[in-house]
C-alpha cells in the first residue's frame, strides 16, 4: 500500500466544476472500429457488431457526469464542535497514464461551524471529479478544496483508498495493492487528536486491507 498525505498552507477555494467536453460520438466510434481492425479483429463479426457505438456512448456518458451541483447548507447552531464524517462512497475513474479504471473509496470529514452540508452532495462532488481522466492524488485534493469552498473554511479532511487496474492487471500485476491518499486541511493538519479521530474512523469504515 502506498500512502500520500497533503496539508494545505492556506484555506482552499472551491474549484469550479469544469464544463463538460463536447464529444463527437460518431468519430469516437470510428476510432474504436479502427482500433479493433488494428488489433486483428473483425468489427463486423458476431459479438463485435455494435461494439464501437456502445464504447463511444460509454465514453460520452463517463466524461459528462452530472455537475457537482450547488451544495445545500443548513443552518444549525447546536453543533458543539462535532466532527462530521461521510464514508462509504465508491466511485470509478480512469487513470490518465494508462486509461485503465481505478476504483476509489472516498471518506470526507469536516468540522461544521454554524452550518451543515446536505449529505447527498458529498457523493455528487466525488462523482463529478471522478468522471474524467484522473490521478488519485489530484482527485483527493480537488474533492477537499471544493468541499472547503462549500463550507467556507479549511477544516476539511479527505481520505481516498484506490484500487488501480494499471497496477493490478498490467506491469507488476499486484492484485492486492492499494493506494491511500489523505488531505488534511485547517484543524485536521494542526490538531493531532482530531486528525487521529478522522483516520481511525476512516480505516474502520474501510475494514480490512
C-alpha atoms as a PDB file:
ATOM      1  CA  UNK A   1       0.000   0.000   0.000  1.00  0.00           C
ATOM      2  CA  UNK A   2       1.240   3.483  -0.781  1.00  0.00           C
ATOM      3  CA  UNK A   3       0.158   6.497   1.227  1.00  0.00           C
ATOM      4  CA  UNK A   4       0.315  10.192   0.392  1.00  0.00           C
ATOM      5  CA  UNK A   5      -0.555  12.976   2.833  1.00  0.00           C
ATOM      6  CA  UNK A   6      -1.110  16.599   1.825  1.00  0.00           C
ATOM      7  CA  UNK A   7      -1.627  19.580   4.089  1.00  0.00           C
ATOM      8  CA  UNK A   8      -2.513  22.952   2.553  1.00  0.00           C
ATOM      9  CA  UNK A   9      -0.769  26.091   3.696  1.00  0.00           C
ATOM     10  CA  UNK A  10      -3.803  28.260   3.083  1.00  0.00           C
ATOM     11  CA  UNK A  11      -7.569  27.925   3.098  1.00  0.00           C
ATOM     12  CA  UNK A  12      -8.757  26.152  -0.070  1.00  0.00           C
ATOM     13  CA  UNK A  13     -11.173  27.710  -2.524  1.00  0.00           C
ATOM     14  CA  UNK A  14     -13.951  25.800  -4.217  1.00  0.00           C
ATOM     15  CA  UNK A  15     -12.812  24.517  -7.583  1.00  0.00           C
ATOM     16  CA  UNK A  16     -15.464  25.391 -10.129  1.00  0.00           C
ATOM     17  CA  UNK A  17     -16.855  22.380 -11.997  1.00  0.00           C
ATOM     18  CA  UNK A  18     -15.314  22.200 -15.437  1.00  0.00           C
ATOM     19  CA  UNK A  19     -17.684  22.347 -18.417  1.00  0.00           C
ATOM     20  CA  UNK A  20     -18.407  19.002 -20.000  1.00  0.00           C
ATOM     21  CA  UNK A  21     -16.448  18.383 -23.200  1.00  0.00           C
ATOM     22  CA  UNK A  22     -18.422  18.100 -26.419  1.00  0.00           C
ATOM     23  CA  UNK A  23     -17.729  14.563 -27.599  1.00  0.00           C
ATOM     24  CA  UNK A  24     -18.227  13.513 -31.201  1.00  0.00           C
ATOM     25  CA  UNK A  25     -19.528  10.002 -30.531  1.00  0.00           C
ATOM     26  CA  UNK A  26     -19.597   9.170 -34.241  1.00  0.00           C
ATOM     27  CA  UNK A  27     -15.904   9.923 -34.599  1.00  0.00           C
ATOM     28  CA  UNK A  28     -15.100   8.049 -31.394  1.00  0.00           C
ATOM     29  CA  UNK A  29     -16.999   5.020 -32.715  1.00  0.00           C
ATOM     30  CA  UNK A  30     -14.959   5.243 -35.920  1.00  0.00           C
ATOM     31  CA  UNK A  31     -11.726   5.279 -33.944  1.00  0.00           C
ATOM     32  CA  UNK A  32     -12.811   2.239 -31.918  1.00  0.00           C
ATOM     33  CA  UNK A  33     -13.686   0.476 -35.172  1.00  0.00           C
ATOM     34  CA  UNK A  34     -10.203   1.264 -36.478  1.00  0.00           C
ATOM     35  CA  UNK A  35      -8.617   0.069 -33.223  1.00  0.00           C
ATOM     36  CA  UNK A  36     -10.383  -3.284 -33.494  1.00  0.00           C
ATOM     37  CA  UNK A  37      -9.081  -3.686 -37.035  1.00  0.00           C
ATOM     38  CA  UNK A  38      -5.510  -2.854 -35.938  1.00  0.00           C
ATOM     39  CA  UNK A  39      -5.832  -5.439 -33.154  1.00  0.00           C
ATOM     40  CA  UNK A  40      -6.611  -8.098 -35.761  1.00  0.00           C
ATOM     41  CA  UNK A  41     -10.354  -8.226 -35.090  1.00  0.00           C
ATOM     42  CA  UNK A  42     -13.296  -8.048 -37.461  1.00  0.00           C
ATOM     43  CA  UNK A  43     -15.655  -5.314 -36.179  1.00  0.00           C
ATOM     44  CA  UNK A  44     -18.470  -6.822 -38.264  1.00  0.00           C
ATOM     45  CA  UNK A  45     -18.324 -10.268 -36.695  1.00  0.00           C
ATOM     46  CA  UNK A  46     -20.915 -11.571 -34.270  1.00  0.00           C
ATOM     47  CA  UNK A  47     -20.215 -10.204 -30.812  1.00  0.00           C
ATOM     48  CA  UNK A  48     -18.399  -7.089 -32.039  1.00  0.00           C
ATOM     49  CA  UNK A  49     -21.206  -5.728 -34.212  1.00  0.00           C
ATOM     50  CA  UNK A  50     -22.287  -2.525 -32.489  1.00  0.00           C
ATOM     51  CA  UNK A  51     -19.328  -2.503 -30.103  1.00  0.00           C
ATOM     52  CA  UNK A  52     -17.808   0.751 -31.426  1.00  0.00           C
ATOM     53  CA  UNK A  53     -21.104   2.562 -30.890  1.00  0.00           C
ATOM     54  CA  UNK A  54     -21.502   1.132 -27.396  1.00  0.00           C
ATOM     55  CA  UNK A  55     -17.955   2.115 -26.415  1.00  0.00           C
ATOM     56  CA  UNK A  56     -18.434   5.627 -27.791  1.00  0.00           C
ATOM     57  CA  UNK A  57     -21.700   6.016 -25.875  1.00  0.00           C
ATOM     58  CA  UNK A  58     -19.952   4.924 -22.681  1.00  0.00           C
ATOM     59  CA  UNK A  59     -17.123   7.421 -23.139  1.00  0.00           C
ATOM     60  CA  UNK A  60     -19.657  10.173 -23.691  1.00  0.00           C
ATOM     61  CA  UNK A  61     -21.586   9.242 -20.545  1.00  0.00           C
ATOM     62  CA  UNK A  62     -18.474   8.800 -18.396  1.00  0.00           C
ATOM     63  CA  UNK A  63     -16.859  12.083 -19.390  1.00  0.00           C
ATOM     64  CA  UNK A  64     -20.116  14.018 -18.997  1.00  0.00           C
ATOM     65  CA  UNK A  65     -21.024  13.426 -15.327  1.00  0.00           C
ATOM     66  CA  UNK A  66     -23.669  15.425 -13.561  1.00  0.00           C
ATOM     67  CA  UNK A  67     -22.297  18.677 -12.177  1.00  0.00           C
ATOM     68  CA  UNK A  68     -21.172  18.830  -8.575  1.00  0.00           C
ATOM     69  CA  UNK A  69     -24.271  20.997  -8.100  1.00  0.00           C
ATOM     70  CA  UNK A  70     -24.687  23.741  -5.579  1.00  0.00           C
ATOM     71  CA  UNK A  71     -24.379  22.070  -2.214  1.00  0.00           C
ATOM     72  CA  UNK A  72     -27.245  22.728   0.136  1.00  0.00           C
ATOM     73  CA  UNK A  73     -26.187  24.000   3.554  1.00  0.00           C
ATOM     74  CA  UNK A  74     -28.489  24.083   6.539  1.00  0.00           C
ATOM     75  CA  UNK A  75     -28.166  26.455   9.468  1.00  0.00           C
ATOM     76  CA  UNK A  76     -27.539  24.568  12.691  1.00  0.00           C
ATOM     77  CA  UNK A  77     -26.403  26.382  15.806  1.00  0.00           C
ATOM     78  CA  UNK A  78     -26.203  23.447  18.237  1.00  0.00           C
ATOM     79  CA  UNK A  79     -23.133  21.702  16.871  1.00  0.00           C
ATOM     80  CA  UNK A  80     -20.810  21.644  19.888  1.00  0.00           C
ATOM     81  CA  UNK A  81     -17.629  21.235  17.812  1.00  0.00           C
ATOM     82  CA  UNK A  82     -18.740  17.973  16.242  1.00  0.00           C
ATOM     83  CA  UNK A  83     -16.737  16.030  13.713  1.00  0.00           C
ATOM     84  CA  UNK A  84     -18.843  15.000  10.697  1.00  0.00           C
ATOM     85  CA  UNK A  85     -17.601  12.105   8.568  1.00  0.00           C
ATOM     86  CA  UNK A  86     -19.265  10.790   5.417  1.00  0.00           C
ATOM     87  CA  UNK A  87     -17.923   7.461   4.165  1.00  0.00           C
ATOM     88  CA  UNK A  88     -18.939   4.519   2.038  1.00  0.00           C
ATOM     89  CA  UNK A  89     -18.633   6.499  -1.204  1.00  0.00           C
ATOM     90  CA  UNK A  90     -17.240   4.422  -4.058  1.00  0.00           C
ATOM     91  CA  UNK A  91     -16.583   5.969  -7.469  1.00  0.00           C
ATOM     92  CA  UNK A  92     -14.896   4.842 -10.665  1.00  0.00           C
ATOM     93  CA  UNK A  93     -12.382   6.939 -12.511  1.00  0.00           C
ATOM     94  CA  UNK A  94      -9.781   6.391 -15.236  1.00  0.00           C
ATOM     95  CA  UNK A  95      -6.021   6.547 -14.749  1.00  0.00           C
ATOM     96  CA  UNK A  96      -4.765   9.151 -17.197  1.00  0.00           C
ATOM     97  CA  UNK A  97      -1.431   7.359 -17.610  1.00  0.00           C
ATOM     98  CA  UNK A  98      -2.825   4.081 -18.983  1.00  0.00           C
ATOM     99  CA  UNK A  99      -6.554   4.834 -19.423  1.00  0.00           C
ATOM    100  CA  UNK A 100      -7.446   1.903 -17.169  1.00  0.00           C
ATOM    101  CA  UNK A 101     -10.105   2.018 -14.431  1.00  0.00           C
ATOM    102  CA  UNK A 102      -9.463   2.793 -10.800  1.00  0.00           C
ATOM    103  CA  UNK A 103     -11.984   2.314  -8.016  1.00  0.00           C
ATOM    104  CA  UNK A 104     -11.799   4.999  -5.345  1.00  0.00           C
ATOM    105  CA  UNK A 105     -13.313   4.648  -1.871  1.00  0.00           C
ATOM    106  CA  UNK A 106     -13.851   8.151  -0.528  1.00  0.00           C
ATOM    107  CA  UNK A 107     -14.294   9.374   3.028  1.00  0.00           C
ATOM    108  CA  UNK A 108     -14.738  13.076   3.783  1.00  0.00           C
ATOM    109  CA  UNK A 109     -14.787  14.839   7.132  1.00  0.00           C
ATOM    110  CA  UNK A 110     -15.287  18.389   8.302  1.00  0.00           C
ATOM    111  CA  UNK A 111     -15.884  20.418  11.428  1.00  0.00           C
ATOM    112  CA  UNK A 112     -19.118  22.390  10.922  1.00  0.00           C
ATOM    113  CA  UNK A 113     -19.321  25.996  12.047  1.00  0.00           C
ATOM    114  CA  UNK A 114     -22.930  27.163  12.130  1.00  0.00           C
ATOM    115  CA  UNK A 115     -23.969  25.174   9.065  1.00  0.00           C
ATOM    116  CA  UNK A 116     -24.091  21.565   7.936  1.00  0.00           C
ATOM    117  CA  UNK A 117     -23.828  20.287   4.367  1.00  0.00           C
ATOM    118  CA  UNK A 118     -26.558  18.179   2.758  1.00  0.00           C
ATOM    119  CA  UNK A 119     -25.240  14.618   2.821  1.00  0.00           C
ATOM    120  CA  UNK A 120     -26.082  13.657  -0.766  1.00  0.00           C
ATOM    121  CA  UNK A 121     -23.792  16.407  -2.057  1.00  0.00           C
ATOM    122  CA  UNK A 122     -20.682  14.595  -0.865  1.00  0.00           C
ATOM    123  CA  UNK A 123     -21.309  11.768  -3.309  1.00  0.00           C
ATOM    124  CA  UNK A 124     -22.102  14.169  -6.149  1.00  0.00           C
ATOM    125  CA  UNK A 125     -18.848  16.040  -5.577  1.00  0.00           C
ATOM    126  CA  UNK A 126     -16.869  12.782  -5.660  1.00  0.00           C
ATOM    127  CA  UNK A 127     -18.640  11.588  -8.813  1.00  0.00           C
ATOM    128  CA  UNK A 128     -18.040  14.891 -10.566  1.00  0.00           C
ATOM    129  CA  UNK A 129     -14.272  14.868 -10.087  1.00  0.00           C
ATOM    130  CA  UNK A 130     -14.030  11.122 -10.857  1.00  0.00           C
ATOM    131  CA  UNK A 131     -15.682  11.494 -14.257  1.00  0.00           C
ATOM    132  CA  UNK A 132     -12.535  12.338 -16.193  1.00  0.00           C
ATOM    133  CA  UNK A 133      -9.015  11.116 -16.901  1.00  0.00           C
ATOM    134  CA  UNK A 134      -7.524  11.460 -13.448  1.00  0.00           C
ATOM    135  CA  UNK A 135      -4.868  10.615 -10.870  1.00  0.00           C
ATOM    136  CA  UNK A 136      -5.835   9.749  -7.321  1.00  0.00           C
ATOM    137  CA  UNK A 137      -3.650  12.407  -5.738  1.00  0.00           C
ATOM    138  CA  UNK A 138      -5.262  15.213  -7.745  1.00  0.00           C
ATOM    139  CA  UNK A 139      -8.744  13.791  -7.205  1.00  0.00           C
ATOM    140  CA  UNK A 140      -8.251  13.829  -3.424  1.00  0.00           C
ATOM    141  CA  UNK A 141      -7.199  17.476  -3.430  1.00  0.00           C
ATOM    142  CA  UNK A 142      -9.991  18.539  -5.798  1.00  0.00           C
ATOM    143  CA  UNK A 143     -12.686  16.971  -3.631  1.00  0.00           C
ATOM    144  CA  UNK A 144     -11.228  18.537  -0.494  1.00  0.00           C
ATOM    145  CA  UNK A 145     -10.828  22.008  -1.998  1.00  0.00           C
ATOM    146  CA  UNK A 146     -14.331  22.010  -3.442  1.00  0.00           C
ATOM    147  CA  UNK A 147     -15.783  20.908  -0.104  1.00  0.00           C
ATOM    148  CA  UNK A 148     -13.743  23.588   1.665  1.00  0.00           C
ATOM    149  CA  UNK A 149     -15.223  26.201  -0.635  1.00  0.00           C
ATOM    150  CA  UNK A 150     -18.727  24.923   0.060  1.00  0.00           C
ATOM    151  CA  UNK A 151     -18.448  25.121   3.833  1.00  0.00           C
ATOM    152  CA  UNK A 152     -16.427  28.340   3.757  1.00  0.00           C
ATOM    153  CA  UNK A 153     -13.405  27.253   5.781  1.00  0.00           C
ATOM    154  CA  UNK A 154     -10.458  24.880   5.568  1.00  0.00           C
ATOM    155  CA  UNK A 155     -11.318  22.434   8.375  1.00  0.00           C
ATOM    156  CA  UNK A 156     -11.713  19.587   5.898  1.00  0.00           C
ATOM    157  CA  UNK A 157     -10.135  16.164   5.542  1.00  0.00           C
ATOM    158  CA  UNK A 158     -10.498  13.718   2.678  1.00  0.00           C
ATOM    159  CA  UNK A 159      -9.107  10.185   2.532  1.00  0.00           C
ATOM    160  CA  UNK A 160      -9.202   8.052  -0.598  1.00  0.00           C
ATOM    161  CA  UNK A 161      -8.322   4.373  -0.932  1.00  0.00           C
ATOM    162  CA  UNK A 162      -7.809   3.268  -4.507  1.00  0.00           C
ATOM    163  CA  UNK A 163      -7.554   0.048  -6.469  1.00  0.00           C
ATOM    164  CA  UNK A 164      -5.763   0.740  -9.760  1.00  0.00           C
ATOM    165  CA  UNK A 165      -6.100  -1.720 -12.607  1.00  0.00           C
ATOM    166  CA  UNK A 166      -2.975  -0.213 -14.161  1.00  0.00           C
ATOM    167  CA  UNK A 167      -1.147  -1.864 -11.246  1.00  0.00           C
ATOM    168  CA  UNK A 168      -3.394  -4.904 -10.794  1.00  0.00           C
ATOM    169  CA  UNK A 169      -3.698  -6.169 -14.382  1.00  0.00           C
ATOM    170  CA  UNK A 170      -0.538  -4.817 -16.043  1.00  0.00           C
ATOM    171  CA  UNK A 171       3.078  -4.198 -15.034  1.00  0.00           C
ATOM    172  CA  UNK A 172       3.743  -5.842 -11.676  1.00  0.00           C
ATOM    173  CA  UNK A 173       0.175  -7.264 -11.559  1.00  0.00           C
ATOM    174  CA  UNK A 174      -0.223  -6.950  -7.811  1.00  0.00           C
ATOM    175  CA  UNK A 175      -3.934  -7.504  -7.278  1.00  0.00           C
ATOM    176  CA  UNK A 176      -3.883  -6.719  -3.563  1.00  0.00           C
ATOM    177  CA  UNK A 177      -2.113  -3.361  -3.920  1.00  0.00           C
ATOM    178  CA  UNK A 178      -3.975  -0.361  -2.509  1.00  0.00           C
ATOM    179  CA  UNK A 179      -3.074   3.325  -2.645  1.00  0.00           C
ATOM    180  CA  UNK A 180      -4.182   5.705   0.110  1.00  0.00           C
ATOM    181  CA  UNK A 181      -4.154   9.491  -0.158  1.00  0.00           C
ATOM    182  CA  UNK A 182      -5.076  11.861   2.663  1.00  0.00           C
ATOM    183  CA  UNK A 183      -5.701  15.608   2.511  1.00  0.00           C
ATOM    184  CA  UNK A 184      -5.664  17.360   5.897  1.00  0.00           C
ATOM    185  CA  UNK A 185      -6.761  20.987   5.982  1.00  0.00           C
ATOM    186  CA  UNK A 186      -7.052  23.510   8.792  1.00  0.00           C
ATOM    187  CA  UNK A 187      -7.514  21.921  12.191  1.00  0.00           C
ATOM    188  CA  UNK A 188      -7.023  18.440  10.733  1.00  0.00           C
ATOM    189  CA  UNK A 189      -3.446  19.446   9.955  1.00  0.00           C
ATOM    190  CA  UNK A 190      -2.713  21.129  13.285  1.00  0.00           C
ATOM    191  CA  UNK A 191      -4.640  19.104  15.865  1.00  0.00           C
ATOM    192  CA  UNK A 192      -3.305  15.536  16.187  1.00  0.00           C
ATOM    193  CA  UNK A 193      -6.326  14.310  18.164  1.00  0.00           C
ATOM    194  CA  UNK A 194      -8.797  15.485  15.517  1.00  0.00           C
ATOM    195  CA  UNK A 195      -6.640  14.034  12.753  1.00  0.00           C
ATOM    196  CA  UNK A 196      -6.358  10.702  14.550  1.00  0.00           C
ATOM    197  CA  UNK A 197     -10.114  10.563  15.101  1.00  0.00           C
ATOM    198  CA  UNK A 198     -10.690  11.042  11.387  1.00  0.00           C
ATOM    199  CA  UNK A 199      -8.123   8.445  10.338  1.00  0.00           C
ATOM    200  CA  UNK A 200      -9.317   5.889  12.908  1.00  0.00           C
ATOM    201  CA  UNK A 201     -12.954   6.191  11.841  1.00  0.00           C
ATOM    202  CA  UNK A 202     -11.930   6.152   8.174  1.00  0.00           C
ATOM    203  CA  UNK A 203      -9.911   2.956   8.404  1.00  0.00           C
ATOM    204  CA  UNK A 204     -12.766   1.431  10.376  1.00  0.00           C
ATOM    205  CA  UNK A 205     -15.140   2.181   7.510  1.00  0.00           C
ATOM    206  CA  UNK A 206     -12.722   0.653   5.012  1.00  0.00           C
ATOM    207  CA  UNK A 207     -12.330  -2.528   7.024  1.00  0.00           C
ATOM    208  CA  UNK A 208      -9.549  -4.992   6.414  1.00  0.00           C
ATOM    209  CA  UNK A 209      -6.864  -4.129   3.854  1.00  0.00           C
END
